[in-house]
PDB file of N, CA and C in Angstrom:
ATOM      1  N   UNK A   1      92.416 122.404  51.566  1.00  0.00           N
ATOM      2  CA  UNK A   1      92.730 121.664  49.980  1.00  0.00           C
ATOM      3  C   UNK A   1      91.582 121.889  49.227  1.00  0.00           C
ATOM      4  N   UNK A   2      92.088 122.264  47.829  1.00  0.00           N
ATOM      5  CA  UNK A   2      91.053 122.744  47.059  1.00  0.00           C
ATOM      6  C   UNK A   2      90.510 121.558  46.375  1.00  0.00           C
ATOM      7  N   UNK A   3      89.257 121.570  45.754  1.00  0.00           N
ATOM      8  CA  UNK A   3      88.391 120.405  45.292  1.00  0.00           C
ATOM      9  C   UNK A   3      88.163 120.891  43.755  1.00  0.00           C
ATOM     10  N   UNK A   4      88.932 121.499  43.278  1.00  0.00           N
ATOM     11  CA  UNK A   4      88.714 122.010  41.903  1.00  0.00           C
ATOM     12  C   UNK A   4      89.811 121.265  41.249  1.00  0.00           C
ATOM     13  N   UNK A   5      89.749 120.429  40.121  1.00  0.00           N
ATOM     14  CA  UNK A   5      90.015 119.968  39.285  1.00  0.00           C
ATOM     15  C   UNK A   5      90.649 120.778  37.905  1.00  0.00           C
ATOM     16  N   UNK A   6      91.697 121.134  37.766  1.00  0.00           N
ATOM     17  CA  UNK A   6      92.064 121.993  36.344  1.00  0.00           C
ATOM     18  C   UNK A   6      92.597 121.212  35.319  1.00  0.00           C
ATOM     19  N   UNK A   7      92.983 119.950  35.656  1.00  0.00           N
ATOM     20  CA  UNK A   7      93.650 119.205  34.501  1.00  0.00           C
ATOM     21  C   UNK A   7      92.969 117.544  34.321  1.00  0.00           C
ATOM     22  N   UNK A   8      91.634 117.760  33.835  1.00  0.00           N
ATOM     23  CA  UNK A   8      91.210 116.270  33.876  1.00  0.00           C
ATOM     24  C   UNK A   8      92.106 115.396  32.749  1.00  0.00           C
ATOM     25  N   UNK A   9      93.027 115.469  32.017  1.00  0.00           N
ATOM     26  CA  UNK A   9      94.110 114.644  31.089  1.00  0.00           C
ATOM     27  C   UNK A   9      94.811 114.141  32.545  1.00  0.00           C
ATOM     28  N   UNK A  10      95.245 114.708  33.369  1.00  0.00           N
ATOM     29  CA  UNK A  10      96.065 114.619  34.449  1.00  0.00           C
ATOM     30  C   UNK A  10      95.512 113.084  35.362  1.00  0.00           C
ATOM     31  N   UNK A  11      94.058 113.489  35.580  1.00  0.00           N
ATOM     32  CA  UNK A  11      93.191 112.364  36.366  1.00  0.00           C
ATOM     33  C   UNK A  11      93.267 111.337  35.323  1.00  0.00           C
ATOM     34  N   UNK A  12      92.731 111.710  34.400  1.00  0.00           N
ATOM     35  CA  UNK A  12      92.642 110.247  33.510  1.00  0.00           C
ATOM     36  C   UNK A  12      93.968 109.459  33.302  1.00  0.00           C
ATOM     37  N   UNK A  13      94.958 110.082  32.853  1.00  0.00           N
ATOM     38  CA  UNK A  13      96.463 109.384  33.055  1.00  0.00           C
ATOM     39  C   UNK A  13      96.533 108.682  34.206  1.00  0.00           C
ATOM     40  N   UNK A  14      96.408 109.431  35.780  1.00  0.00           N
ATOM     41  CA  UNK A  14      96.527 108.805  36.702  1.00  0.00           C
ATOM     42  C   UNK A  14      95.631 107.561  36.950  1.00  0.00           C
ATOM     43  N   UNK A  15      94.498 107.436  36.621  1.00  0.00           N
ATOM     44  CA  UNK A  15      93.560 106.285  37.050  1.00  0.00           C
ATOM     45  C   UNK A  15      93.947 105.541  35.875  1.00  0.00           C
ATOM     46  N   UNK A  16      94.333 105.885  34.704  1.00  0.00           N
ATOM     47  CA  UNK A  16      94.687 104.818  33.737  1.00  0.00           C
ATOM     48  C   UNK A  16      95.654 103.763  34.447  1.00  0.00           C
ATOM     49  N   UNK A  17      96.692 104.470  34.833  1.00  0.00           N
ATOM     50  CA  UNK A  17      97.815 103.825  35.111  1.00  0.00           C
ATOM     51  C   UNK A  17      97.719 103.298  36.466  1.00  0.00           C
ATOM     52  N   UNK A  18      96.701 103.619  37.503  1.00  0.00           N
ATOM     53  CA  UNK A  18      96.424 102.678  38.797  1.00  0.00           C
ATOM     54  C   UNK A  18      95.633 102.085  38.416  1.00  0.00           C
ATOM     55  N   UNK A  19      94.865 101.837  37.404  1.00  0.00           N
ATOM     56  CA  UNK A  19      93.892 100.687  37.243  1.00  0.00           C
ATOM     57  C   UNK A  19      94.365  99.289  36.557  1.00  0.00           C
ATOM     58  N   UNK A  20      95.815  99.021  36.523  1.00  0.00           N
ATOM     59  CA  UNK A  20      96.419  97.949  36.021  1.00  0.00           C
ATOM     60  C   UNK A  20      96.593  96.756  36.998  1.00  0.00           C
ATOM     61  N   UNK A  21      95.895  95.408  36.647  1.00  0.00           N
ATOM     62  CA  UNK A  21      95.927  94.507  37.640  1.00  0.00           C
ATOM     63  C   UNK A  21      97.142  94.208  38.340  1.00  0.00           C
ATOM     64  N   UNK A  22      98.164  93.942  37.182  1.00  0.00           N
ATOM     65  CA  UNK A  22      99.191  93.738  37.553  1.00  0.00           C
ATOM     66  C   UNK A  22     100.335  94.593  38.553  1.00  0.00           C
ATOM     67  N   UNK A  23      99.751  95.806  38.565  1.00  0.00           N
ATOM     68  CA  UNK A  23     100.619  97.063  39.263  1.00  0.00           C
ATOM     69  C   UNK A  23      99.436  96.636  40.535  1.00  0.00           C
ATOM     70  N   UNK A  24      98.636  96.436  40.661  1.00  0.00           N
ATOM     71  CA  UNK A  24      97.743  96.422  42.097  1.00  0.00           C
ATOM     72  C   UNK A  24      98.456  95.169  42.652  1.00  0.00           C
ATOM     73  N   UNK A  25      98.606  93.711  41.721  1.00  0.00           N
ATOM     74  CA  UNK A  25      99.230  92.724  42.517  1.00  0.00           C
ATOM     75  C   UNK A  25     100.299  92.897  43.223  1.00  0.00           C
ATOM     76  N   UNK A  26     101.370  93.542  42.147  1.00  0.00           N
ATOM     77  CA  UNK A  26     102.720  93.779  42.957  1.00  0.00           C
ATOM     78  C   UNK A  26     102.805  94.648  44.005  1.00  0.00           C
ATOM     79  N   UNK A  27     101.980  95.876  44.275  1.00  0.00           N
ATOM     80  CA  UNK A  27     102.105  96.613  45.228  1.00  0.00           C
ATOM     81  C   UNK A  27     101.152  96.868  46.260  1.00  0.00           C
ATOM     82  N   UNK A  28      99.628  96.274  46.163  1.00  0.00           N
ATOM     83  CA  UNK A  28      98.937  96.434  46.839  1.00  0.00           C
ATOM     84  C   UNK A  28      98.799  95.600  48.184  1.00  0.00           C
ATOM     85  N   UNK A  29      99.851  94.372  47.989  1.00  0.00           N
ATOM     86  CA  UNK A  29     100.374  93.623  49.039  1.00  0.00           C
ATOM     87  C   UNK A  29     101.221  94.148  50.132  1.00  0.00           C
ATOM     88  N   UNK A  30     101.746  94.872  49.388  1.00  0.00           N
ATOM     89  CA  UNK A  30     103.239  95.744  50.297  1.00  0.00           C
ATOM     90  C   UNK A  30     102.548  96.812  51.242  1.00  0.00           C
ATOM     91  N   UNK A  31     101.455  97.383  50.637  1.00  0.00           N
ATOM     92  CA  UNK A  31     100.748  98.519  51.111  1.00  0.00           C
ATOM     93  C   UNK A  31      99.975  98.572  52.779  1.00  0.00           C
ATOM     94  N   UNK A  32     100.109  99.351  53.260  1.00  0.00           N
ATOM     95  CA  UNK A  32      99.269  99.523  54.928  1.00  0.00           C
ATOM     96  C   UNK A  32      97.821  99.443  54.569  1.00  0.00           C
ATOM     97  N   UNK A  33      97.187  99.182  55.457  1.00  0.00           N
ATOM     98  CA  UNK A  33      95.895  99.141  55.457  1.00  0.00           C
ATOM     99  C   UNK A  33      95.494 100.650  55.161  1.00  0.00           C
ATOM    100  N   UNK A  34      96.084 101.630  56.162  1.00  0.00           N
ATOM    101  CA  UNK A  34      95.743 103.292  55.545  1.00  0.00           C
ATOM    102  C   UNK A  34      96.016 103.688  54.543  1.00  0.00           C
ATOM    103  N   UNK A  35      97.258 103.089  53.716  1.00  0.00           N
ATOM    104  CA  UNK A  35      97.515 103.418  52.570  1.00  0.00           C
ATOM    105  C   UNK A  35      96.567 103.064  51.666  1.00  0.00           C
ATOM    106  N   UNK A  36      95.960 102.130  51.710  1.00  0.00           N
ATOM    107  CA  UNK A  36      95.392 101.239  50.318  1.00  0.00           C
ATOM    108  C   UNK A  36      93.820 101.853  51.011  1.00  0.00           C
ATOM    109  N   UNK A  37      93.334 102.233  52.030  1.00  0.00           N
ATOM    110  CA  UNK A  37      92.314 103.025  52.284  1.00  0.00           C
ATOM    111  C   UNK A  37      92.325 104.285  51.564  1.00  0.00           C
ATOM    112  N   UNK A  38      93.493 104.948  51.463  1.00  0.00           N
ATOM    113  CA  UNK A  38      93.322 106.712  50.881  1.00  0.00           C
ATOM    114  C   UNK A  38      93.240 106.280  49.317  1.00  0.00           C
ATOM    115  N   UNK A  39      94.124 105.272  48.778  1.00  0.00           N
ATOM    116  CA  UNK A  39      94.165 104.987  47.529  1.00  0.00           C
ATOM    117  C   UNK A  39      92.684 104.510  46.888  1.00  0.00           C
ATOM    118  N   UNK A  40      92.027 103.739  47.777  1.00  0.00           N
ATOM    119  CA  UNK A  40      90.840 103.270  47.528  1.00  0.00           C
ATOM    120  C   UNK A  40      89.743 104.475  47.299  1.00  0.00           C
ATOM    121  N   UNK A  41      89.609 105.286  48.298  1.00  0.00           N
ATOM    122  CA  UNK A  41      89.066 106.582  48.413  1.00  0.00           C
ATOM    123  C   UNK A  41      89.007 107.729  47.434  1.00  0.00           C
ATOM    124  N   UNK A  42      90.492 107.445  47.041  1.00  0.00           N
ATOM    125  CA  UNK A  42      90.987 108.509  46.005  1.00  0.00           C
ATOM    126  C   UNK A  42      90.584 107.897  44.831  1.00  0.00           C
ATOM    127  N   UNK A  43      90.612 106.723  44.065  1.00  0.00           N
ATOM    128  CA  UNK A  43      90.412 105.805  43.006  1.00  0.00           C
ATOM    129  C   UNK A  43      88.357 106.211  42.877  1.00  0.00           C
ATOM    130  N   UNK A  44      87.788 105.773  44.006  1.00  0.00           N
ATOM    131  CA  UNK A  44      86.528 105.893  43.978  1.00  0.00           C
ATOM    132  C   UNK A  44      85.864 107.542  43.810  1.00  0.00           C
ATOM    133  N   UNK A  45      86.620 108.502  44.513  1.00  0.00           N
ATOM    134  CA  UNK A  45      86.271 109.620  44.221  1.00  0.00           C
ATOM    135  C   UNK A  45      86.372 110.344  42.735  1.00  0.00           C
ATOM    136  N   UNK A  46      87.450 109.440  42.275  1.00  0.00           N
ATOM    137  CA  UNK A  46      87.611 110.059  40.616  1.00  0.00           C
ATOM    138  C   UNK A  46      86.672 109.229  40.002  1.00  0.00           C
ATOM    139  N   UNK A  47      86.184 108.450  40.203  1.00  0.00           N
ATOM    140  CA  UNK A  47      84.829 107.816  39.345  1.00  0.00           C
ATOM    141  C   UNK A  47      85.553 106.495  38.955  1.00  0.00           C
ATOM    142  N   UNK A  48      86.286 105.468  39.647  1.00  0.00           N
ATOM    143  CA  UNK A  48      86.778 104.575  39.262  1.00  0.00           C
ATOM    144  C   UNK A  48      86.514 103.301  40.081  1.00  0.00           C
ATOM    145  N   UNK A  49      85.171 102.896  40.861  1.00  0.00           N
ATOM    146  CA  UNK A  49      84.809 102.221  41.800  1.00  0.00           C
ATOM    147  C   UNK A  49      85.635 100.822  41.350  1.00  0.00           C
ATOM    148  N   UNK A  50      85.699 100.177  40.079  1.00  0.00           N
ATOM    149  CA  UNK A  50      85.964  98.973  40.173  1.00  0.00           C
ATOM    150  C   UNK A  50      87.713  99.010  39.918  1.00  0.00           C
ATOM    151  N   UNK A  51      88.476  99.833  39.961  1.00  0.00           N
ATOM    152  CA  UNK A  51      89.888 100.320  40.013  1.00  0.00           C
ATOM    153  C   UNK A  51      90.105  99.896  41.637  1.00  0.00           C
ATOM    154  N   UNK A  52      89.298 100.910  42.248  1.00  0.00           N
ATOM    155  CA  UNK A  52      89.703 100.776  43.655  1.00  0.00           C
ATOM    156  C   UNK A  52      89.311  99.347  44.487  1.00  0.00           C
ATOM    157  N   UNK A  53      87.949  98.558  43.754  1.00  0.00           N
ATOM    158  CA  UNK A  53      87.853  97.615  44.549  1.00  0.00           C
ATOM    159  C   UNK A  53      89.089  96.339  43.790  1.00  0.00           C
ATOM    160  N   UNK A  54      89.577  96.739  42.977  1.00  0.00           N
ATOM    161  CA  UNK A  54      90.789  95.840  42.347  1.00  0.00           C
ATOM    162  C   UNK A  54      91.763  95.911  43.268  1.00  0.00           C
ATOM    163  N   UNK A  55      92.027  97.475  44.008  1.00  0.00           N
ATOM    164  CA  UNK A  55      93.254  97.185  44.815  1.00  0.00           C
ATOM    165  C   UNK A  55      93.180  96.713  45.621  1.00  0.00           C
ATOM    166  N   UNK A  56      91.846  97.166  46.177  1.00  0.00           N
ATOM    167  CA  UNK A  56      91.411  96.671  47.587  1.00  0.00           C
ATOM    168  C   UNK A  56      91.485  94.988  48.072  1.00  0.00           C
ATOM    169  N   UNK A  57      90.981  93.976  46.588  1.00  0.00           N
ATOM    170  CA  UNK A  57      90.987  92.989  46.598  1.00  0.00           C
ATOM    171  C   UNK A  57      92.462  92.409  47.082  1.00  0.00           C
ATOM    172  N   UNK A  58      93.333  92.754  45.666  1.00  0.00           N
ATOM    173  CA  UNK A  58      94.971  92.747  45.977  1.00  0.00           C
ATOM    174  C   UNK A  58      95.520  92.799  46.922  1.00  0.00           C
ATOM    175  N   UNK A  59      95.251  93.881  48.091  1.00  0.00           N
ATOM    176  CA  UNK A  59      95.850  94.187  49.322  1.00  0.00           C
ATOM    177  C   UNK A  59      95.388  92.986  50.305  1.00  0.00           C
ATOM    178  N   UNK A  60      93.805  92.720  49.888  1.00  0.00           N
ATOM    179  CA  UNK A  60      93.423  91.941  51.201  1.00  0.00           C
ATOM    180  C   UNK A  60      93.881  90.652  50.999  1.00  0.00           C
ATOM    181  N   UNK A  61      94.305  89.832  49.802  1.00  0.00           N
ATOM    182  CA  UNK A  61      95.020  88.746  49.297  1.00  0.00           C
ATOM    183  C   UNK A  61      96.196  88.401  50.461  1.00  0.00           C
ATOM    184  N   UNK A  62      97.031  89.600  51.210  1.00  0.00           N
ATOM    185  CA  UNK A  62      98.119  89.295  51.968  1.00  0.00           C
ATOM    186  C   UNK A  62      97.961  89.956  53.242  1.00  0.00           C
ATOM    187  N   UNK A  63      96.379  90.385  53.756  1.00  0.00           N
ATOM    188  CA  UNK A  63      96.438  90.551  54.949  1.00  0.00           C
ATOM    189  C   UNK A  63      95.905  89.268  55.818  1.00  0.00           C
ATOM    190  N   UNK A  64      96.318  89.182  57.272  1.00  0.00           N
ATOM    191  CA  UNK A  64      96.128  88.159  57.879  1.00  0.00           C
ATOM    192  C   UNK A  64      94.865  88.325  58.718  1.00  0.00           C
ATOM    193  N   UNK A  65      94.506  87.276  59.519  1.00  0.00           N
ATOM    194  CA  UNK A  65      93.181  87.197  60.325  1.00  0.00           C
ATOM    195  C   UNK A  65      93.768  88.415  61.401  1.00  0.00           C
ATOM    196  N   UNK A  66      93.009  89.160  62.012  1.00  0.00           N
ATOM    197  CA  UNK A  66      93.016  90.199  62.361  1.00  0.00           C
ATOM    198  C   UNK A  66      92.956  91.630  62.015  1.00  0.00           C
ATOM    199  N   UNK A  67      93.498  91.423  60.774  1.00  0.00           N
ATOM    200  CA  UNK A  67      93.934  92.648  60.012  1.00  0.00           C
ATOM    201  C   UNK A  67      92.651  93.276  59.406  1.00  0.00           C
ATOM    202  N   UNK A  68      92.770  94.491  59.261  1.00  0.00           N
ATOM    203  CA  UNK A  68      91.393  95.413  58.621  1.00  0.00           C
ATOM    204  C   UNK A  68      90.425  94.751  57.382  1.00  0.00           C
ATOM    205  N   UNK A  69      91.590  94.353  56.433  1.00  0.00           N
ATOM    206  CA  UNK A  69      91.088  93.950  55.133  1.00  0.00           C
ATOM    207  C   UNK A  69      91.204  92.377  54.891  1.00  0.00           C
ATOM    208  N   UNK A  70      91.557  91.437  55.968  1.00  0.00           N
ATOM    209  CA  UNK A  70      91.465  90.343  55.840  1.00  0.00           C
ATOM    210  C   UNK A  70      90.155  89.599  55.484  1.00  0.00           C
ATOM    211  N   UNK A  71      90.276  88.748  54.131  1.00  0.00           N
ATOM    212  CA  UNK A  71      88.737  87.824  54.114  1.00  0.00           C
ATOM    213  C   UNK A  71      89.177  86.860  54.090  1.00  0.00           C
ATOM    214  N   UNK A  72      88.307  85.695  54.983  1.00  0.00           N
ATOM    215  CA  UNK A  72      88.544  84.715  54.832  1.00  0.00           C
ATOM    216  C   UNK A  72      87.783  83.793  53.585  1.00  0.00           C
ATOM    217  N   UNK A  73      88.469  83.158  52.958  1.00  0.00           N
ATOM    218  CA  UNK A  73      88.105  82.467  52.185  1.00  0.00           C
ATOM    219  C   UNK A  73      86.859  81.739  51.864  1.00  0.00           C
ATOM    220  N   UNK A  74      86.466  81.362  53.316  1.00  0.00           N
ATOM    221  CA  UNK A  74      84.825  80.583  53.668  1.00  0.00           C
ATOM    222  C   UNK A  74      83.895  81.758  53.965  1.00  0.00           C
ATOM    223  N   UNK A  75      83.928  83.194  54.017  1.00  0.00           N
ATOM    224  CA  UNK A  75      83.308  84.017  53.969  1.00  0.00           C
ATOM    225  C   UNK A  75      82.101  83.821  52.986  1.00  0.00           C
ATOM    226  N   UNK A  76      81.084  84.307  53.591  1.00  0.00           N
ATOM    227  CA  UNK A  76      79.549  84.287  52.657  1.00  0.00           C
ATOM    228  C   UNK A  76      79.652  85.649  52.072  1.00  0.00           C
ATOM    229  N   UNK A  77      79.765  86.455  52.578  1.00  0.00           N
ATOM    230  CA  UNK A  77      79.845  87.995  51.858  1.00  0.00           C
ATOM    231  C   UNK A  77      80.824  88.839  52.440  1.00  0.00           C
ATOM    232  N   UNK A  78      81.082  90.155  51.531  1.00  0.00           N
ATOM    233  CA  UNK A  78      82.168  90.690  52.264  1.00  0.00           C
ATOM    234  C   UNK A  78      81.268  92.152  52.724  1.00  0.00           C
ATOM    235  N   UNK A  79      81.661  92.757  53.622  1.00  0.00           N
ATOM    236  CA  UNK A  79      80.926  94.017  54.420  1.00  0.00           C
ATOM    237  C   UNK A  79      81.231  95.101  53.499  1.00  0.00           C
ATOM    238  N   UNK A  80      80.368  95.767  53.451  1.00  0.00           N
ATOM    239  CA  UNK A  80      80.665  96.900  52.310  1.00  0.00           C
ATOM    240  C   UNK A  80      81.088  97.883  52.872  1.00  0.00           C
ATOM    241  N   UNK A  81      82.155  98.882  52.065  1.00  0.00           N
ATOM    242  CA  UNK A  81      82.648 100.238  53.132  1.00  0.00           C
ATOM    243  C   UNK A  81      82.243 101.182  52.149  1.00  0.00           C
ATOM    244  N   UNK A  82      81.396 102.374  53.431  1.00  0.00           N
ATOM    245  CA  UNK A  82      81.164 103.447  52.313  1.00  0.00           C
ATOM    246  C   UNK A  82      82.471 104.390  52.248  1.00  0.00           C
ATOM    247  N   UNK A  83      82.333 104.650  51.058  1.00  0.00           N
ATOM    248  CA  UNK A  83      83.462 105.654  50.362  1.00  0.00           C
ATOM    249  C   UNK A  83      83.649 106.897  50.915  1.00  0.00           C
ATOM    250  N   UNK A  84      82.402 107.447  51.293  1.00  0.00           N
ATOM    251  CA  UNK A  84      82.408 108.535  51.833  1.00  0.00           C
ATOM    252  C   UNK A  84      82.710 108.673  53.449  1.00  0.00           C
ATOM    253  N   UNK A  85      83.246 107.783  53.851  1.00  0.00           N
ATOM    254  CA  UNK A  85      83.669 107.543  55.205  1.00  0.00           C
ATOM    255  C   UNK A  85      85.200 107.682  54.984  1.00  0.00           C
ATOM    256  N   UNK A  86      85.636 106.912  54.137  1.00  0.00           N
ATOM    257  CA  UNK A  86      87.205 106.803  53.711  1.00  0.00           C
ATOM    258  C   UNK A  86      87.594 108.637  53.106  1.00  0.00           C
ATOM    259  N   UNK A  87      86.862 109.269  52.628  1.00  0.00           N
ATOM    260  CA  UNK A  87      87.237 110.593  51.982  1.00  0.00           C
ATOM    261  C   UNK A  87      87.399 111.399  53.495  1.00  0.00           C
ATOM    262  N   UNK A  88      86.737 111.290  54.850  1.00  0.00           N
ATOM    263  CA  UNK A  88      86.838 112.032  56.000  1.00  0.00           C
ATOM    264  C   UNK A  88      86.755 113.363  56.149  1.00  0.00           C
ATOM    265  N   UNK A  89      85.898 113.678  55.151  1.00  0.00           N
ATOM    266  CA  UNK A  89      85.507 115.171  54.964  1.00  0.00           C
ATOM    267  C   UNK A  89      84.545 115.696  55.409  1.00  0.00           C
ATOM    268  N   UNK A  90      84.116 116.785  56.321  1.00  0.00           N
ATOM    269  CA  UNK A  90      82.925 117.224  57.086  1.00  0.00           C
ATOM    270  C   UNK A  90      81.701 117.335  56.033  1.00  0.00           C
ATOM    271  N   UNK A  91      82.173 117.832  54.930  1.00  0.00           N
ATOM    272  CA  UNK A  91      80.919 117.700  53.859  1.00  0.00           C
ATOM    273  C   UNK A  91      80.320 117.041  53.382  1.00  0.00           C
ATOM    274  N   UNK A  92      81.073 115.565  53.336  1.00  0.00           N
ATOM    275  CA  UNK A  92      80.749 114.406  52.486  1.00  0.00           C
ATOM    276  C   UNK A  92      79.849 113.511  53.644  1.00  0.00           C
ATOM    277  N   UNK A  93      79.770 113.721  54.969  1.00  0.00           N
ATOM    278  CA  UNK A  93      79.009 113.294  55.828  1.00  0.00           C
ATOM    279  C   UNK A  93      77.313 113.670  55.848  1.00  0.00           C
TER     280      UNK A  93
END
């Protein structure tokens, strides 16, 4: 896979569209944990950590106990996720 981005306008358009809260609320709960992890990693790699966190939070609201992103409303803190682990590339380790 190429790591060269040749059209930065396309990146800005993509991140602009996927940084919308209403979209995350509507679609995020229907996504699988693997899908949301992939989107999270992509948005984070594109320099949009706030959008990545927004999508993760929207998805987690629908996860049930035992699912990967479930967050107990009484939890003291969230366990941080290393975005480099999500990219799963050898050079990122």
